[in-house]
Amino acid sequence: MKRSFSKKIVLVLIILGLALLYAGSRVKVIEFGYEVSKIKAGVSDMERENALLKSKVAQARSTEKLIESAKRLGFAAPETHQVLFLRE
């Protein structure tokens, strides 16, 4: 009788240990899921920022090209007395 009781306790402890291992693994899966979500949000933010920076680079390059073309054609910046400001 004592031997069968010991076997039952060992069996219960094994089952309890397996249940704890399973629960622990599920918690880790959930934690990894949250981490993946945060990383995806960060990637999305970085992609938006990258697109904005690419747009700014394109604008800067087009302005540079315009200035280069104007200089090549002989245009120059106006003198201060050549600039007129209009009031509304």
N, C-alpha and C. Protein backbone atom coordinates (compact mmCIF):
# COMPACT_ATOMS: atom_id res chain seq x y z
N MET A 1 0.82 -1.20 0.00
CA MET A 1 0.00 0.00 0.00
C MET A 1 0.86 1.26 0.00
N LYS A 2 1.90 1.24 0.81
CA LYS A 2 2.77 2.39 0.89
C LYS A 2 3.49 2.60 -0.44
N ARG A 3 3.84 1.53 -1.10
CA ARG A 3 4.54 1.61 -2.38
C ARG A 3 3.65 2.21 -3.47
N SER A 4 2.39 1.84 -3.52
CA SER A 4 1.48 2.37 -4.53
C SER A 4 1.20 3.84 -4.26
N PHE A 5 1.17 4.25 -2.99
CA PHE A 5 0.98 5.65 -2.64
C PHE A 5 2.18 6.48 -3.12
N SER A 6 3.38 5.95 -2.96
CA SER A 6 4.60 6.63 -3.41
C SER A 6 4.60 6.78 -4.93
N LYS A 7 4.14 5.73 -5.62
CA LYS A 7 4.07 5.80 -7.07
C LYS A 7 3.09 6.88 -7.52
N LYS A 8 1.97 6.99 -6.81
CA LYS A 8 0.97 8.00 -7.14
C LYS A 8 1.54 9.40 -6.93
N ILE A 9 2.26 9.59 -5.85
CA ILE A 9 2.86 10.90 -5.57
C ILE A 9 3.88 11.26 -6.66
N VAL A 10 4.71 10.29 -7.03
CA VAL A 10 5.71 10.53 -8.08
C VAL A 10 5.00 10.87 -9.39
N LEU A 11 3.94 10.13 -9.71
CA LEU A 11 3.19 10.38 -10.94
C LEU A 11 2.58 11.78 -10.92
N VAL A 12 1.99 12.17 -9.79
CA VAL A 12 1.40 13.50 -9.66
C VAL A 12 2.47 14.57 -9.80
N LEU A 13 3.63 14.36 -9.19
CA LEU A 13 4.72 15.33 -9.30
C LEU A 13 5.22 15.45 -10.73
N ILE A 14 5.30 14.33 -11.44
CA ILE A 14 5.73 14.36 -12.84
C ILE A 14 4.72 15.13 -13.68
N ILE A 15 3.44 14.83 -13.47
CA ILE A 15 2.39 15.54 -14.22
C ILE A 15 2.41 17.03 -13.90
N LEU A 16 2.58 17.37 -12.63
CA LEU A 16 2.65 18.77 -12.22
C LEU A 16 3.86 19.46 -12.86
N GLY A 17 4.99 18.78 -12.88
CA GLY A 17 6.19 19.34 -13.52
C GLY A 17 5.99 19.57 -15.00
N LEU A 18 5.37 18.61 -15.67
CA LEU A 18 5.09 18.77 -17.10
C LEU A 18 4.11 19.91 -17.36
N ALA A 19 3.12 20.04 -16.49
CA ALA A 19 2.15 21.14 -16.63
C ALA A 19 2.85 22.48 -16.45
N LEU A 20 3.75 22.57 -15.48
CA LEU A 20 4.49 23.81 -15.28
C LEU A 20 5.39 24.13 -16.47
N LEU A 21 6.04 23.11 -17.02
CA LEU A 21 6.87 23.32 -18.21
C LEU A 21 6.03 23.81 -19.39
N TYR A 22 4.86 23.21 -19.56
CA TYR A 22 3.96 23.63 -20.64
C TYR A 22 3.52 25.08 -20.43
N ALA A 23 3.10 25.40 -19.22
CA ALA A 23 2.65 26.77 -18.93
C ALA A 23 3.79 27.76 -19.15
N GLY A 24 4.98 27.42 -18.73
CA GLY A 24 6.13 28.29 -18.93
C GLY A 24 6.43 28.52 -20.39
N SER A 25 6.30 27.47 -21.18
CA SER A 25 6.56 27.62 -22.61
C SER A 25 5.50 28.50 -23.27
N ARG A 26 4.26 28.39 -22.85
CA ARG A 26 3.19 29.24 -23.39
C ARG A 26 3.43 30.70 -23.04
N VAL A 27 3.89 30.96 -21.83
CA VAL A 27 4.19 32.33 -21.42
C VAL A 27 5.30 32.90 -22.30
N LYS A 28 6.33 32.10 -22.57
CA LYS A 28 7.42 32.55 -23.43
C LYS A 28 6.92 32.85 -24.84
N VAL A 29 6.03 32.02 -25.35
CA VAL A 29 5.49 32.25 -26.69
C VAL A 29 4.74 33.58 -26.72
N ILE A 30 3.97 33.86 -25.70
CA ILE A 30 3.22 35.12 -25.63
C ILE A 30 4.19 36.30 -25.54
N GLU A 31 5.24 36.18 -24.72
CA GLU A 31 6.23 37.24 -24.60
C GLU A 31 6.90 37.50 -25.95
N PHE A 32 7.26 36.44 -26.66
CA PHE A 32 7.89 36.60 -27.96
C PHE A 32 6.92 37.26 -28.95
N GLY A 33 5.64 36.93 -28.84
CA GLY A 33 4.63 37.55 -29.70
C GLY A 33 4.58 39.05 -29.48
N TYR A 34 4.59 39.49 -28.22
CA TYR A 34 4.59 40.92 -27.92
C TYR A 34 5.86 41.58 -28.46
N GLU A 35 6.98 40.91 -28.31
CA GLU A 35 8.25 41.45 -28.79
C GLU A 35 8.24 41.61 -30.31
N VAL A 36 7.70 40.61 -31.00
CA VAL A 36 7.60 40.68 -32.46
C VAL A 36 6.70 41.85 -32.87
N SER A 37 5.61 42.05 -32.15
CA SER A 37 4.71 43.17 -32.46
C SER A 37 5.42 44.51 -32.30
N LYS A 38 6.19 44.65 -31.23
CA LYS A 38 6.94 45.89 -31.01
C LYS A 38 7.96 46.11 -32.12
N ILE A 39 8.65 45.06 -32.52
CA ILE A 39 9.65 45.18 -33.57
C ILE A 39 8.99 45.56 -34.90
N LYS A 40 7.84 44.95 -35.19
CA LYS A 40 7.13 45.29 -36.43
C LYS A 40 6.71 46.75 -36.43
N ALA A 41 6.25 47.25 -35.28
CA ALA A 41 5.85 48.66 -35.19
C ALA A 41 7.07 49.55 -35.42
N GLY A 42 8.21 49.15 -34.85
CA GLY A 42 9.43 49.92 -35.05
C GLY A 42 9.87 49.93 -36.51
N VAL A 43 9.75 48.79 -37.16
CA VAL A 43 10.11 48.69 -38.58
C VAL A 43 9.20 49.59 -39.41
N SER A 44 7.92 49.59 -39.09
CA SER A 44 6.97 50.43 -39.81
C SER A 44 7.32 51.91 -39.65
N ASP A 45 7.66 52.32 -38.42
CA ASP A 45 8.06 53.71 -38.17
C ASP A 45 9.31 54.06 -38.97
N MET A 46 10.26 53.14 -38.98
CA MET A 46 11.52 53.39 -39.70
C MET A 46 11.29 53.46 -41.20
N GLU A 47 10.37 52.65 -41.72
CA GLU A 47 10.07 52.70 -43.15
C GLU A 47 9.45 54.03 -43.53
N ARG A 48 8.55 54.55 -42.66
CA ARG A 48 7.95 55.86 -42.92
C ARG A 48 9.02 56.96 -42.89
N GLU A 49 9.90 56.89 -41.89
CA GLU A 49 10.97 57.87 -41.78
C GLU A 49 11.91 57.79 -42.98
N ASN A 50 12.20 56.58 -43.43
CA ASN A 50 13.06 56.38 -44.60
C ASN A 50 12.43 57.01 -45.83
N ALA A 51 11.13 56.82 -46.02
CA ALA A 51 10.45 57.41 -47.18
C ALA A 51 10.50 58.94 -47.11
N LEU A 52 10.32 59.49 -45.92
CA LEU A 52 10.39 60.94 -45.76
C LEU A 52 11.79 61.45 -46.09
N LEU A 53 12.80 60.75 -45.59
CA LEU A 53 14.18 61.16 -45.86
C LEU A 53 14.52 61.06 -47.35
N LYS A 54 14.03 60.01 -48.00
CA LYS A 54 14.26 59.88 -49.44
C LYS A 54 13.63 61.04 -50.20
N SER A 55 12.46 61.45 -49.76
CA SER A 55 11.78 62.59 -50.38
C SER A 55 12.60 63.86 -50.19
N LYS A 56 13.12 64.06 -48.99
CA LYS A 56 13.93 65.25 -48.73
C LYS A 56 15.22 65.24 -49.56
N VAL A 57 15.83 64.06 -49.69
CA VAL A 57 17.04 63.95 -50.50
C VAL A 57 16.71 64.29 -51.96
N ALA A 58 15.59 63.80 -52.45
CA ALA A 58 15.19 64.08 -53.84
C ALA A 58 14.97 65.57 -54.03
N GLN A 59 14.34 66.23 -53.08
CA GLN A 59 14.12 67.67 -53.17
C GLN A 59 15.45 68.41 -53.18
N ALA A 60 16.36 68.02 -52.32
CA ALA A 60 17.66 68.68 -52.25
C ALA A 60 18.42 68.50 -53.55
N ARG A 61 18.35 67.32 -54.10
CA ARG A 61 19.05 67.06 -55.36
C ARG A 61 18.45 67.86 -56.50
N SER A 62 17.11 67.97 -56.53
CA SER A 62 16.50 68.72 -57.62
C SER A 62 16.83 70.20 -57.50
N THR A 63 16.91 70.73 -56.29
CA THR A 63 17.30 72.13 -56.10
C THR A 63 18.74 72.33 -56.54
N GLU A 64 19.60 71.39 -56.17
CA GLU A 64 21.00 71.48 -56.60
C GLU A 64 21.11 71.48 -58.12
N LYS A 65 20.33 70.62 -58.76
CA LYS A 65 20.37 70.55 -60.22
C LYS A 65 19.88 71.86 -60.83
N LEU A 66 18.85 72.44 -60.24
CA LEU A 66 18.32 73.70 -60.74
C LEU A 66 19.37 74.81 -60.62
N ILE A 67 20.05 74.87 -59.49
CA ILE A 67 21.10 75.88 -59.28
C ILE A 67 22.24 75.67 -60.26
N GLU A 68 22.65 74.42 -60.44
CA GLU A 68 23.72 74.12 -61.39
C GLU A 68 23.34 74.53 -62.81
N SER A 69 22.12 74.23 -63.20
CA SER A 69 21.66 74.59 -64.55
C SER A 69 21.61 76.11 -64.71
N ALA A 70 21.15 76.81 -63.69
CA ALA A 70 21.07 78.27 -63.76
C ALA A 70 22.47 78.87 -63.89
N LYS A 71 23.42 78.36 -63.14
CA LYS A 71 24.80 78.87 -63.23
C LYS A 71 25.39 78.59 -64.61
N ARG A 72 25.12 77.41 -65.12
CA ARG A 72 25.63 77.03 -66.44
C ARG A 72 25.07 77.95 -67.52
N LEU A 73 23.82 78.40 -67.34
CA LEU A 73 23.19 79.28 -68.32
C LEU A 73 23.55 80.75 -68.12
N GLY A 74 24.34 81.02 -67.08
CA GLY A 74 24.79 82.39 -66.86
C GLY A 74 23.94 83.18 -65.89
N PHE A 75 22.98 82.56 -65.26
CA PHE A 75 22.17 83.27 -64.29
C PHE A 75 22.98 83.49 -63.01
N ALA A 76 22.66 84.55 -62.29
CA ALA A 76 23.34 84.84 -61.03
C ALA A 76 22.30 85.31 -60.02
N ALA A 77 22.67 85.24 -58.76
CA ALA A 77 21.75 85.70 -57.71
C ALA A 77 21.59 87.21 -57.85
N PRO A 78 20.40 87.74 -57.61
CA PRO A 78 20.18 89.18 -57.76
C PRO A 78 20.89 89.97 -56.66
N GLU A 79 21.23 91.19 -57.00
CA GLU A 79 21.78 92.11 -56.00
C GLU A 79 20.62 92.60 -55.14
N THR A 80 20.95 93.12 -53.99
CA THR A 80 19.89 93.55 -53.06
C THR A 80 19.02 94.65 -53.67
N HIS A 81 19.59 95.53 -54.44
CA HIS A 81 18.79 96.62 -55.01
C HIS A 81 17.90 96.13 -56.16
N GLN A 82 18.12 94.91 -56.63
CA GLN A 82 17.31 94.36 -57.71
C GLN A 82 16.09 93.58 -57.21
N VAL A 83 15.97 93.43 -55.91
CA VAL A 83 14.87 92.65 -55.34
C VAL A 83 13.78 93.61 -54.85
N LEU A 84 12.54 93.34 -55.25
CA LEU A 84 11.40 94.15 -54.82
C LEU A 84 10.49 93.29 -53.97
N PHE A 85 10.05 93.83 -52.85
CA PHE A 85 9.11 93.13 -51.98
C PHE A 85 7.74 93.78 -52.13
N LEU A 86 6.74 93.00 -52.35
CA LEU A 86 5.38 93.49 -52.52
C LEU A 86 4.58 93.28 -51.24
N ARG A 87 3.79 94.29 -50.92
CA ARG A 87 2.92 94.17 -49.75
C ARG A 87 1.50 93.92 -50.22
N GLU A 88 0.76 93.24 -49.40
CA GLU A 88 -0.64 92.96 -49.77
C GLU A 88 -1.53 94.05 -49.30
